[in-house]
Amino acid sequence: MTLVQQAAIMMEKLPVRSQQIVVDLLKMLSGISESTVVPDAHETGFKRTGKSDFSLPADFDEHFDDLNAEIAAMFMGESL
């Protein structure tokens, strides 16, 4: 197994945030300029995927976690 293959396997097992740290470190060590770097998804903003026929309330993202008990009940058959 080559060094690159070993690195790829290790990187796949890391959380995304840790992967970003490794990539930033490699950029710093290799001297790659920021102008050649593709912007991170966090920098370009979040885009929902897919099409839908419904509209979510403007504050949906802020209150999504409030629905945890209701969602768990739907999947696990638990009562609220």
Protein backbone atom coordinates (compact mmCIF):
# COMPACT_ATOMS: atom_id res chain seq x y z
CA MET A 1 0.00 0.00 0.00
CA THR A 2 1.39 3.39 -0.96
CA LEU A 3 1.71 6.35 1.35
CA VAL A 4 -1.05 8.16 -0.56
CA GLN A 5 -3.40 5.17 -0.18
CA GLN A 6 -2.69 5.02 3.55
CA ALA A 7 -3.37 8.76 3.89
CA ALA A 8 -6.63 8.46 1.93
CA ILE A 9 -7.87 5.62 4.16
CA MET A 10 -6.99 7.59 7.30
CA MET A 11 -8.66 10.76 5.98
CA GLU A 12 -11.90 8.92 5.17
CA LYS A 13 -12.21 7.84 8.81
CA LEU A 14 -11.85 11.40 10.17
CA PRO A 15 -14.78 13.75 10.82
CA VAL A 16 -15.19 16.49 8.19
CA ARG A 17 -13.86 19.18 10.52
CA SER A 18 -10.67 17.18 11.14
CA GLN A 19 -10.31 16.60 7.40
CA GLN A 20 -10.49 20.37 6.86
CA ILE A 21 -7.75 20.90 9.46
CA VAL A 22 -5.49 18.38 7.69
CA VAL A 23 -6.13 20.02 4.32
CA ASP A 24 -5.39 23.48 5.76
CA LEU A 25 -2.15 22.16 7.26
CA LEU A 26 -1.10 20.60 3.96
CA LYS A 27 -1.84 23.88 2.15
CA MET A 28 0.27 25.79 4.65
CA LEU A 29 3.16 23.32 4.40
CA SER A 30 3.08 23.17 0.60
CA GLY A 31 2.75 26.93 0.05
CA ILE A 32 -0.42 26.72 -2.07
CA SER A 33 -1.94 30.16 -2.47
CA GLU A 34 -5.50 30.75 -1.39
CA SER A 35 -6.44 31.94 -4.90
CA THR A 36 -6.23 28.34 -6.18
CA VAL A 37 -8.41 26.91 -3.42
CA VAL A 38 -12.08 26.06 -4.03
CA PRO A 39 -14.31 27.79 -1.45
CA ASP A 40 -15.64 25.67 1.40
CA ALA A 41 -19.38 24.94 1.51
CA HIS A 42 -19.60 27.02 4.71
CA GLU A 43 -18.20 30.03 2.83
CA THR A 44 -20.53 29.71 -0.16
CA GLY A 45 -23.69 29.19 1.88
CA PHE A 46 -26.10 26.32 2.29
CA LYS A 47 -28.32 25.22 -0.58
CA ARG A 48 -31.08 22.71 -0.10
CA THR A 49 -31.18 19.95 -2.69
CA GLY A 50 -34.16 18.45 -4.44
CA LYS A 51 -37.52 19.84 -5.42
CA SER A 52 -40.56 20.11 -3.24
CA ASP A 53 -44.16 21.24 -3.35
CA PHE A 54 -44.19 22.66 0.17
CA SER A 55 -42.83 25.72 1.92
CA LEU A 56 -41.07 25.69 5.26
CA PRO A 57 -41.53 28.53 7.74
CA ALA A 58 -38.76 31.14 7.78
CA ASP A 59 -37.65 30.03 11.27
CA PHE A 60 -37.68 26.27 10.46
CA ASP A 61 -33.91 25.80 10.84
CA GLU A 62 -33.88 27.54 14.23
CA HIS A 63 -36.67 25.30 15.60
CA PHE A 64 -35.82 22.01 13.90
CA ASP A 65 -34.20 20.53 17.02
CA ASP A 66 -37.38 21.25 18.98
CA LEU A 67 -39.02 18.49 16.91
CA ASN A 68 -36.69 15.71 18.13
CA ALA A 69 -39.28 14.10 20.42
CA GLU A 70 -41.96 14.16 17.71
CA ILE A 71 -39.61 12.71 15.11
CA ALA A 72 -38.44 9.98 17.49
CA ALA A 73 -42.06 9.09 18.19
CA MET A 74 -42.76 8.70 14.47
CA PHE A 75 -39.84 6.32 13.94
CA MET A 76 -39.72 4.51 17.26
CA GLY A 77 -43.43 4.38 18.07
CA GLU A 78 -42.90 6.24 21.33
CA SER A 79 -45.57 8.46 22.81
CA LEU A 80 -44.86 12.12 23.43
